[in-house]
Protein backbone atom coordinates (compact mmCIF):
# COMPACT_ATOMS: atom_id res chain seq x y z
CA MET A 1 -0.28 -0.22 0.08
CA SER A 2 1.84 3.24 -0.96
CA ASN A 3 1.95 5.79 1.53
CA ASP A 4 0.06 8.81 0.21
CA ILE A 5 -2.27 9.43 2.77
CA ARG A 6 -1.94 12.69 4.61
CA VAL A 7 -2.40 11.66 8.13
CA ASN A 8 -3.29 14.04 11.17
CA THR A 9 -0.19 14.17 13.54
CA GLU A 10 -2.39 14.89 16.94
CA VAL A 11 -4.91 11.71 15.85
CA VAL A 12 -1.11 9.51 15.38
CA ARG A 13 0.01 10.75 18.56
CA GLY A 14 -3.20 10.07 20.22
CA PHE A 15 -3.81 6.58 19.26
CA ILE A 16 0.13 6.25 20.25
CA VAL A 17 -1.42 7.20 24.18
CA TYR A 18 -4.51 5.14 23.96
CA SER A 19 -1.90 2.20 23.05
CA ARG A 20 -0.26 2.72 25.70
CA ILE A 21 -3.03 3.23 28.13
CA VAL A 22 -4.32 -0.05 27.20
CA GLY A 23 -1.31 -1.69 27.16
CA TRP A 24 -0.76 -1.01 31.01
CA LEU A 25 -4.56 -1.82 31.70
CA LEU A 26 -4.09 -4.95 30.27
CA VAL A 27 -1.31 -5.31 32.70
CA ALA A 28 -2.40 -4.31 35.75
CA VAL A 29 -5.99 -6.16 35.22
CA SER A 30 -3.99 -9.60 34.16
CA LEU A 31 -2.28 -9.28 37.52
CA ILE A 32 -4.55 -8.34 39.56
CA VAL A 33 -6.81 -11.46 38.12
CA LEU A 34 -3.58 -13.76 38.19
CA LEU A 35 -2.88 -12.76 42.19
CA ALA A 36 -6.58 -13.18 42.91
CA TRP A 37 -6.41 -16.95 41.28
CA VAL A 38 -3.05 -17.64 43.72
CA SER A 39 -4.51 -16.23 46.84
CA ALA A 40 -7.04 -17.29 49.48
CA VAL A 41 -7.41 -13.69 50.47
CA ALA A 42 -11.49 -13.18 50.72
CA PRO A 43 -11.00 -9.20 49.19
CA LEU A 44 -9.15 -10.75 45.85
CA GLN A 45 -11.24 -13.52 45.55
CA MET A 46 -14.20 -11.53 43.77
CA PHE A 47 -11.84 -10.82 40.55
CA ALA A 48 -11.51 -14.35 40.23
CA LEU A 49 -14.86 -15.98 41.21
CA PRO A 50 -17.36 -14.46 39.12
CA ALA A 51 -18.00 -16.42 35.78
CA THR A 52 -17.88 -13.73 33.67
CA SER A 53 -14.45 -13.00 34.57
CA MET A 54 -11.23 -13.99 33.22
CA ARG A 55 -9.50 -17.23 33.93
CA ALA A 56 -5.64 -17.16 35.03
CA GLY A 57 -4.88 -18.67 31.54
CA ALA A 58 -6.22 -15.41 30.06
CA ALA A 59 -4.96 -13.52 32.66
CA LEU A 60 -1.29 -14.82 31.59
CA ALA A 61 -1.64 -14.31 28.19
CA GLY A 62 -3.29 -10.67 29.11
CA VAL A 63 0.46 -10.09 31.12
CA LEU A 64 2.32 -11.12 27.52
CA ALA A 65 -0.02 -9.74 25.50
CA GLY A 66 0.02 -6.24 27.18
CA GLY A 67 4.29 -6.22 27.69
CA ALA A 68 4.17 -7.18 23.68
CA LEU A 69 2.49 -3.77 23.38
CA LEU A 70 4.12 -1.47 25.33
CA LEU A 71 7.79 -3.09 24.16
CA SER A 72 6.48 -2.90 20.57
CA HIS A 73 8.39 1.19 20.00
CA ARG A 74 11.31 1.15 21.79
CA TRP A 75 12.19 -3.25 21.90
CA PRO A 76 10.66 -4.51 18.74
CA TRP A 77 12.64 -7.82 18.85
CA SER A 78 11.43 -7.99 22.80
CA SER A 79 8.43 -7.70 21.90
CA PHE A 80 8.28 -10.11 18.95
CA LEU A 81 9.48 -12.54 21.43
CA LEU A 82 6.74 -12.24 23.61
CA SER A 83 4.06 -12.15 21.07
CA LEU A 84 5.74 -15.71 20.04
CA LEU A 85 5.41 -16.78 23.26
CA LEU A 86 1.96 -15.91 23.64
CA THR A 87 1.11 -17.41 20.25
CA LEU A 88 3.13 -21.32 21.78
CA LEU A 89 0.80 -20.92 25.05
CA ALA A 90 -2.42 -20.14 23.51
CA GLY A 91 -1.72 -21.80 20.17
CA CYS A 92 -0.88 -25.02 22.94
CA GLU A 93 -4.42 -25.10 24.48
CA LEU A 94 -6.25 -24.15 21.41
CA LEU A 95 -4.44 -27.84 20.41
CA GLU A 96 -5.12 -29.60 23.49
CA PHE A 97 -8.86 -28.74 22.60
CA ALA A 98 -8.79 -29.42 19.13
CA SER A 99 -6.85 -32.98 19.83
CA GLY A 100 -8.74 -33.66 22.81
CA ALA A 101 -4.89 -34.97 24.39
CA LYS A 102 -3.30 -33.72 27.54
CA VAL A 103 -0.98 -31.06 26.74
CA ILE A 104 1.11 -29.57 29.25
CA CYS A 105 1.16 -25.89 28.74
CA LEU A 106 -0.30 -23.98 32.11
CA PRO A 107 -0.19 -26.83 34.57
CA ASP A 108 -2.94 -26.99 37.19
CA LEU A 109 -1.61 -25.65 40.16
CA GLY A 110 -4.56 -26.06 42.27
CA GLY A 111 -3.38 -28.90 44.26
CA LEU A 112 -0.67 -26.60 45.55
CA LEU A 113 -1.97 -23.59 46.22
CA PRO A 114 -4.13 -22.67 49.12
CA HIS A 115 -7.40 -24.05 49.18
CA TRP A 116 -10.76 -21.98 48.69
CA PRO A 117 -14.32 -23.47 47.17
CA ASN A 118 -15.29 -22.70 43.75
CA ARG A 119 -11.95 -21.74 42.75
CA PRO A 120 -12.55 -21.38 38.35
CA PRO A 121 -10.59 -23.26 36.29
CA GLY A 122 -7.10 -22.03 34.85
CA LYS A 123 -7.16 -22.78 31.14
CA MET A 124 -7.93 -20.65 29.21
CA LEU A 125 -11.64 -21.33 27.07
CA GLU A 126 -12.41 -22.22 23.44
CA LEU A 127 -12.61 -18.80 21.83
CA THR A 128 -10.25 -17.37 24.26
CA ALA A 129 -7.57 -19.67 23.10
CA VAL A 130 -8.18 -18.93 19.58
CA ALA A 131 -8.07 -14.93 20.02
CA PHE A 132 -4.62 -14.77 21.84
CA THR A 133 -3.01 -16.89 19.22
CA LEU A 134 -4.17 -14.55 16.39
CA LEU A 135 -3.12 -11.59 18.96
CA GLY A 136 0.39 -13.41 19.28
CA LEU A 137 0.74 -12.97 15.07
CA VAL A 138 -0.83 -9.49 14.96
CA GLY A 139 2.14 -8.61 17.71
CA MET A 140 4.99 -10.38 15.79
CA ALA A 141 3.46 -8.86 12.51
CA VAL A 142 3.42 -5.28 13.86
CA ALA A 143 7.23 -5.98 15.54
CA SER A 144 8.25 -7.17 12.33
CA ARG A 145 7.24 -4.56 10.09
CA GLN A 146 5.64 -7.28 8.10
CA VAL A 147 2.92 -9.28 6.29
CA ILE A 148 0.27 -6.52 7.09
CA TRP A 149 -2.51 -8.17 5.21
CA LEU A 150 -1.85 -10.71 7.90
CA ARG A 151 -1.58 -8.38 10.98
CA GLU A 152 -5.35 -6.99 9.62
CA ALA A 153 -6.47 -10.15 8.80
CA CYS A 154 -5.69 -11.33 12.23
CA ALA A 155 -6.92 -8.35 14.27
CA LEU A 156 -10.89 -8.21 12.26
CA ALA A 157 -11.15 -11.77 13.13
CA VAL A 158 -10.81 -10.91 16.92
CA ILE A 159 -12.69 -7.82 16.73
CA ALA A 160 -14.98 -10.35 15.23
CA ILE A 161 -14.85 -12.88 17.86
CA THR A 162 -14.93 -10.70 20.86
CA MET A 163 -18.03 -8.22 19.33
CA ALA A 164 -20.18 -11.52 19.10
CA SER A 165 -18.94 -12.42 22.75
CA ILE A 166 -20.30 -9.27 23.94
CA ALA A 167 -23.28 -9.24 21.89
CA ALA A 168 -24.00 -12.91 23.05
CA PHE A 169 -23.22 -11.47 26.84
CA GLY A 170 -26.08 -9.30 25.76
CA LEU A 171 -28.13 -11.58 25.31
CA VAL A 172 -27.86 -13.19 28.80
CA LEU A 173 -28.28 -10.19 30.59
CA ALA A 174 -31.56 -10.32 28.72
CA GLY A 175 -32.57 -13.35 30.15
CA THR A 176 -31.88 -15.26 27.04
CA ALA A 177 -29.78 -18.65 27.31
CA PHE A 178 -27.16 -18.56 25.13
CA ASN A 179 -23.80 -20.64 25.46
CA LEU A 180 -21.00 -18.17 23.73
CA PRO A 181 -20.61 -15.96 26.27
CA LEU A 182 -19.56 -18.85 28.60
CA ARG A 183 -17.06 -19.74 25.90
CA MET A 184 -15.38 -16.30 26.55
CA PRO A 185 -15.99 -14.21 29.92
CA ILE A 186 -16.83 -10.38 29.26
CA VAL A 187 -14.24 -9.13 30.90
CA THR A 188 -11.87 -11.27 29.00
CA ALA A 189 -13.90 -9.91 25.41
CA SER A 190 -13.93 -6.58 26.37
CA LEU A 191 -10.15 -6.48 27.06
CA LEU A 192 -9.52 -8.14 23.88
CA LEU A 193 -11.09 -5.90 21.98
CA LEU A 194 -9.00 -2.70 23.74
CA LEU A 195 -5.93 -4.99 22.97
CA THR A 196 -6.96 -5.44 19.32
CA LEU A 197 -7.70 -2.04 18.65
CA ALA A 198 -4.27 -0.63 20.64
CA TRP A 199 -2.48 -3.46 18.19
CA MET A 200 -3.55 -1.22 15.13
CA ALA A 201 -3.71 2.26 17.34
CA SER A 202 0.10 1.62 18.16
CA VAL A 203 1.25 1.53 13.82
CA PRO A 204 -1.27 4.21 12.85
CA SER A 205 0.59 5.12 9.56
CA THR A 206 0.39 1.70 7.99
CA GLY A 207 -2.55 -0.74 7.47
CA LEU A 208 -6.48 0.22 7.57
CA THR A 209 -4.94 2.30 10.54
CA ARG A 210 -4.03 5.10 8.01
CA ILE A 211 -7.83 5.40 6.95
CA VAL A 212 -8.72 6.56 10.10
CA VAL A 213 -6.14 9.16 11.17
CA ALA A 214 -6.06 10.74 7.81
CA ASP A 215 -6.09 14.42 7.51
CA SER A 216 -9.40 14.09 5.38
CA PRO A 217 -12.72 14.07 5.81
CA GLY A 218 -12.63 10.24 5.56
CA GLY A 219 -10.99 9.83 8.52
CA ALA A 220 -12.93 12.16 10.59
CA PHE A 221 -15.72 10.19 9.35
CA ALA A 222 -13.92 7.29 10.47
CA ARG A 223 -13.01 8.27 13.70
CA ARG A 224 -16.24 9.34 14.62
CA LEU A 225 -18.24 6.53 13.51
CA ILE A 226 -16.30 3.14 14.23
CA LEU A 227 -16.76 3.04 17.56
CA PRO A 228 -20.43 3.64 17.72
CA ALA A 229 -20.55 0.88 14.83
CA LEU A 230 -18.85 -1.76 16.79
CA LEU A 231 -20.69 -0.64 20.49
CA LEU A 232 -24.45 -0.70 18.34
CA PRO A 233 -25.20 -3.89 17.58
CA SER A 234 -24.28 -5.58 20.84
CA LEU A 235 -26.55 -2.84 22.60
CA LEU A 236 -29.60 -3.34 20.19
CA THR A 237 -29.58 -6.95 20.98
CA PHE A 238 -29.69 -6.54 24.58
CA LEU A 239 -32.05 -3.89 24.29
CA PHE A 240 -34.49 -6.15 21.93
CA GLU A 241 -33.78 -9.23 24.14
CA MET A 242 -34.76 -7.27 26.97
CA VAL A 243 -38.27 -5.91 25.76
CA GLN A 244 -38.76 -9.41 24.36
CA ALA A 245 -37.93 -11.48 27.49
CA TRP A 246 -38.95 -8.68 30.23
CA LEU A 247 -42.35 -7.03 28.93
CA GLY A 248 -43.82 -9.64 27.77
CA VAL A 249 -43.42 -8.50 23.98
CA SER A 250 -43.68 -10.98 20.93
CA GLU A 251 -40.79 -11.42 18.69
CA ALA A 252 -42.63 -10.02 15.77
CA GLN A 253 -43.49 -7.04 17.78
CA ALA A 254 -39.80 -7.21 19.13
CA LEU A 255 -38.64 -7.80 15.49
CA SER A 256 -40.74 -4.90 13.91
CA LEU A 257 -39.07 -3.11 17.41
CA ALA A 258 -35.72 -3.81 16.08
CA ALA A 259 -36.50 -2.41 12.18
CA VAL A 260 -37.99 0.36 13.65
CA VAL A 261 -34.80 1.27 15.94
CA THR A 262 -32.66 -0.31 13.51
CA GLY A 263 -33.61 2.44 10.81
CA GLY A 264 -33.48 5.04 13.01
CA VAL A 265 -29.89 4.74 14.06
CA VAL A 266 -28.67 4.40 10.03
CA ALA A 267 -30.98 7.68 10.04
CA ALA A 268 -29.28 9.53 12.32
CA ALA A 269 -25.87 7.70 11.61
CA ILE A 270 -26.76 9.33 7.63
CA LEU A 271 -27.44 12.80 9.39
CA TRP A 272 -24.39 13.08 11.31
CA VAL A 273 -22.35 12.50 8.50
CA ALA A 274 -24.02 15.13 6.27
CA TYR A 275 -23.43 17.15 9.15
CA LEU A 276 -19.47 16.05 9.21
CA LEU A 277 -19.68 16.98 5.73
CA ASP A 278 -21.54 20.21 5.39
CA ARG A 279 -18.86 21.62 8.60
CA SER A 280 -15.96 19.89 6.67
CA GLU A 281 -17.33 21.66 3.64
CA ARG A 282 -17.44 25.39 5.52
CA GLN A 283 -14.18 24.81 6.77
CA ARG A 284 -12.45 24.20 3.43
CA ARG A 285 -14.37 27.39 2.33
CA THR A 286 -13.19 29.28 5.46
CA VAL A 287 -9.63 28.57 4.49
CA LEU A 288 -9.69 29.12 0.64
CA ALA A 289 -11.39 32.35 1.53
CA LEU A 290 -8.65 33.25 4.14
CA ARG A 291 -5.96 31.56 1.74
CA THR A 292 -7.63 33.84 -1.13
CA ASP A 293 -7.65 36.63 0.93
CA ALA A 294 -3.75 36.57 2.14
CA ASN A 295 -3.05 36.39 -1.73
CA THR A 296 -5.50 38.72 -3.19
CA ASP A 297 -4.79 42.80 -3.43
CA GLY A 298 -7.77 44.27 -1.85
CA LEU A 299 -8.06 47.34 -4.35
CA THR A 300 -7.98 45.95 -7.75
CA GLY A 301 -8.83 41.78 -6.86
CA LEU A 302 -5.54 40.91 -8.55
CA ALA A 303 -2.59 38.90 -7.08
CA ASN A 304 -0.66 40.98 -4.54
CA ARG A 305 2.84 41.21 -4.36
CA ARG A 306 3.29 38.20 -2.23
CA ALA A 307 1.57 35.85 -4.77
CA PHE A 308 3.28 37.64 -7.18
CA ASP A 309 6.68 36.16 -6.13
CA ALA A 310 5.49 32.68 -5.63
CA GLY A 311 3.82 33.09 -8.55
CA LEU A 312 6.80 34.14 -11.23
CA ALA A 313 8.72 31.52 -8.87
CA GLN A 314 6.83 28.86 -9.69
CA ALA A 315 6.56 29.88 -13.14
CA LEU A 316 10.34 29.62 -13.72
CA ARG A 317 10.83 26.50 -12.11
CA GLU A 318 7.58 25.18 -14.25
CA ASN A 319 8.42 26.67 -17.60
CA GLU A 320 10.68 27.42 -19.82
CA ASP A 321 9.33 29.81 -21.87
CA VAL A 322 8.26 32.99 -19.40
CA ALA A 323 7.88 36.52 -20.36
CA LEU A 324 7.17 39.10 -17.67
CA LEU A 325 5.50 42.76 -17.72
CA ILE A 326 5.81 45.65 -15.38
CA LEU A 327 3.32 48.36 -15.84
CA ASP A 328 3.42 51.83 -14.33
CA LEU A 329 0.50 54.28 -14.86
CA ASP A 330 1.55 57.54 -16.52
CA HIS A 331 1.62 60.43 -14.53
CA PHE A 332 -0.58 59.19 -11.63
CA LYS A 333 0.53 61.07 -8.45
CA SER A 334 -0.77 64.33 -10.92
CA PHE A 335 -4.27 62.54 -11.30
CA ASN A 336 -4.63 61.90 -7.56
CA ASP A 337 -3.39 65.77 -6.74
CA ASP A 338 -5.69 66.54 -9.27
CA PHE A 339 -9.00 64.20 -8.63
CA GLY A 340 -8.39 62.95 -5.51
CA HIS A 341 -7.51 59.48 -4.01
CA GLN A 342 -11.00 58.27 -4.46
CA ALA A 343 -11.02 58.81 -8.59
CA GLY A 344 -7.14 57.33 -8.22
CA ASP A 345 -8.49 54.11 -6.47
CA ASP A 346 -10.96 53.58 -9.07
CA ALA A 347 -8.82 53.77 -11.60
CA LEU A 348 -6.56 51.33 -10.06
CA ARG A 349 -9.55 49.15 -9.81
CA GLU A 350 -10.24 49.51 -13.68
CA ALA A 351 -6.98 48.87 -14.74
CA GLY A 352 -7.13 45.84 -12.44
CA ARG A 353 -10.23 45.19 -14.61
CA LEU A 354 -8.47 45.57 -18.11
CA LEU A 355 -5.25 43.34 -17.19
CA HIS A 356 -7.35 40.57 -16.04
CA ALA A 357 -9.33 40.89 -19.23
CA GLU A 358 -6.54 40.51 -21.58
CA LEU A 359 -4.67 37.70 -20.50
CA ARG A 360 -5.04 34.15 -20.49
CA PRO A 361 -6.24 31.91 -17.41
CA GLY A 362 -2.79 30.26 -16.91
CA ASP A 363 -1.43 33.74 -16.83
CA LEU A 364 -0.84 36.08 -13.78
CA ALA A 365 -1.90 39.69 -13.44
CA ALA A 366 -0.57 41.20 -10.01
CA ARG A 367 -0.27 44.65 -8.27
CA TYR A 368 3.08 45.61 -7.90
CA GLY A 369 2.69 48.49 -5.96
CA GLY A 370 1.26 51.40 -6.01
CA GLU A 371 0.41 52.43 -9.34
CA GLU A 372 2.58 49.75 -11.22
CA PHE A 373 1.01 46.13 -11.91
CA ALA A 374 3.10 43.24 -12.97
CA VAL A 375 1.93 40.27 -15.57
CA VAL A 376 3.81 37.15 -15.40
CA LEU A 377 3.10 35.20 -19.17
CA VAL A 378 3.39 31.34 -19.58
CA ARG A 379 4.66 29.82 -22.37
CA SER A 380 5.43 32.55 -24.27
CA ASP A 381 7.79 34.31 -27.18
CA ALA A 382 8.64 37.83 -28.09
CA GLU A 383 5.79 37.85 -30.60
CA ARG A 384 3.29 36.95 -28.01
CA VAL A 385 4.44 39.13 -25.69
CA ALA A 386 4.25 42.48 -28.04
CA GLN A 387 0.73 41.35 -29.08
CA VAL A 388 -0.50 40.77 -25.01
CA GLY A 389 0.95 44.09 -25.08
CA ARG A 390 -0.67 46.30 -27.52
CA ARG A 391 -4.03 44.39 -26.09
CA ILE A 392 -3.06 46.45 -22.95
CA LEU A 393 -2.48 49.64 -24.52
CA ALA A 394 -5.16 49.26 -26.85
CA ALA A 395 -7.26 48.17 -23.60
CA PHE A 396 -6.50 51.63 -21.70
CA HIS A 397 -6.94 54.05 -25.05
CA ALA A 398 -10.21 52.25 -26.05
CA ARG A 399 -11.63 52.54 -22.34
CA GLN A 400 -13.82 56.01 -21.34
CA TRP A 401 -12.07 57.33 -17.92
CA PRO A 402 -14.27 59.67 -16.40
CA ASN A 403 -12.14 62.82 -15.33
CA ARG A 404 -9.50 62.10 -17.89
CA PRO A 405 -7.28 59.41 -20.37
CA VAL A 406 -5.16 56.93 -18.01
CA ARG A 407 -2.25 55.64 -19.88
CA VAL A 408 -0.06 53.17 -19.06
CA SER A 409 4.00 52.38 -19.97
CA ILE A 410 5.04 48.79 -19.72
CA GLY A 411 8.58 47.34 -19.63
CA ALA A 412 9.12 43.36 -21.00
CA ALA A 413 11.57 40.65 -20.68
CA LEU A 414 11.78 36.71 -21.73
CA ALA A 415 13.38 34.89 -19.27
CA VAL A 416 16.61 33.53 -19.71
CA SER A 417 17.52 29.61 -19.28
CA GLY A 418 18.20 29.15 -14.86
CA GLU A 419 17.60 33.02 -14.62
CA ALA A 420 16.59 34.35 -10.77
CA PRO A 421 13.48 36.48 -10.35
CA ALA A 422 15.58 38.83 -9.25
CA GLY A 423 17.05 38.99 -12.27
CA LEU A 424 14.07 38.81 -14.59
CA ILE A 425 12.11 41.58 -12.69
CA SER A 426 15.46 43.74 -12.86
CA ARG A 427 15.46 43.32 -16.93
CA ALA A 428 11.49 44.17 -17.13
CA ASP A 429 11.99 47.57 -14.81
CA ALA A 430 15.19 48.72 -16.80
CA ALA A 431 13.17 48.13 -20.21
CA LEU A 432 10.01 49.98 -17.92
CA TYR A 433 12.11 52.85 -17.21
CA ARG A 434 13.12 53.42 -20.99
CA SER A 435 9.65 53.25 -21.94
CA LYS A 436 9.45 56.60 -19.90
CA GLN A 437 12.66 58.20 -20.81
CA GLU A 438 10.91 57.35 -24.75
CA GLY A 439 7.78 59.29 -24.26
CA ARG A 440 5.67 56.93 -22.04
CA ASP A 441 2.61 55.11 -23.27
CA ARG A 442 4.49 52.02 -25.09
CA LEU A 443 5.97 49.05 -24.76
CA THR A 444 9.96 48.44 -24.84
CA MET A 445 11.24 44.88 -24.80
CA ALA A 446 14.61 44.31 -22.38
CA ALA A 447 17.50 45.17 -24.57
CA ASP A 448 19.10 41.83 -23.87
CA ALA A 449 15.89 39.58 -25.04
CA PRO A 450 15.54 37.48 -27.67
CA ALA A 451 14.12 40.46 -30.02
CA GLU A 452 12.82 43.42 -29.24
CA ALA A 453 9.43 44.65 -29.80
CA LYS A 454 7.45 48.22 -29.62
CA ALA A 455 4.25 49.10 -29.94
CA PRO A 456 2.81 51.23 -32.45
CA PRO A 457 1.49 54.41 -32.43
CA LEU A 458 -1.59 55.05 -30.99
CA GLY A 459 -3.45 55.28 -34.20
CA HIS A 460 -1.56 51.38 -35.22
CA ALA A 461 -3.15 49.52 -32.31
């Protein structure tokens, strides 16, 4: 999978912190369960007595899995060895279940430990052994940075197992007899689900998790909708069974209610996604507007000096035939003195509109400063520069100015190979100076350009 998704670094850090927290939580809970299993101290026995708690084998596997997760970033090979040991431990118990033969992986220490009644068995249950075997493979794949597809497949399989167990536990709470939760206690299933998500979160820039941490609307939707999508089936299963068992609702009525509630949940999810899309679009428009404001001259609507500098540099990098025109409104100071600055601003706005109208979409017109403007032409030669200059001069002549005619002097230069922006600007500016010396209201090409062009007299424009 190519690494072409831009990730949200803040979310990545949050995911890594989450994986650390889950690792410590799993180790702590597993150690408490192990201590409770070997201890006759009454306050601790509550962690081992209920049928819904972890068994000793699962607790031992939890210590290995949590330790492997915590070591995965700093000491990957230690994490790999712990994950391998976890796979062997859980796989050994799974082999014993499958074959019916006695395989000594976790000895029965009941006879060697202090006796207290109703001590639960130490062996893992079948589904728990399957889940921990798969998680051992996940840990080895993460530590070795190999076989991402195997890591993702095993993680998804564990998520499916734990979600089925949690959903089935909801049936038991609702009063329906079901055997699956007895094959994986609820505490074990919950911790395994958190552990699987933590393993995926520990390497957020690879695999499926990259989609969740993406700095995009899709990533934002995934972060908000995945957890509800995982929890809702179990919650709805429990609610429907509870309604049917406790309130005496018939199965048909419960199914009808389930259809209504499920449809409502789907509709709510769609509305939520629509809201997130709308907010994302509004944020995008705000960013674009701010970016446009930052690069646009407020008076003329053309690019400002910063946008011009960036645009000229980019044009010289990406194109071979680049031309620069620098324009200056003739005698503009006296125009302002005679008619006021408001009239001068109106003239500048109209000059911006005239320039914009004479250019192709790929060209750039900018207000260079004061009454000066600049035009960057791409894929141009001396002939096209002359044509554009003549059109600009003609447009200024054809415009019916409200106070007195406004004219413009133009200096132009064709970029040479490898030329820096400052050099091109200097040559165009020198050509503009010559236009003013030679009588203004004309186009002059830089002397060292491939060719010279000069605007014809007004009557020939």
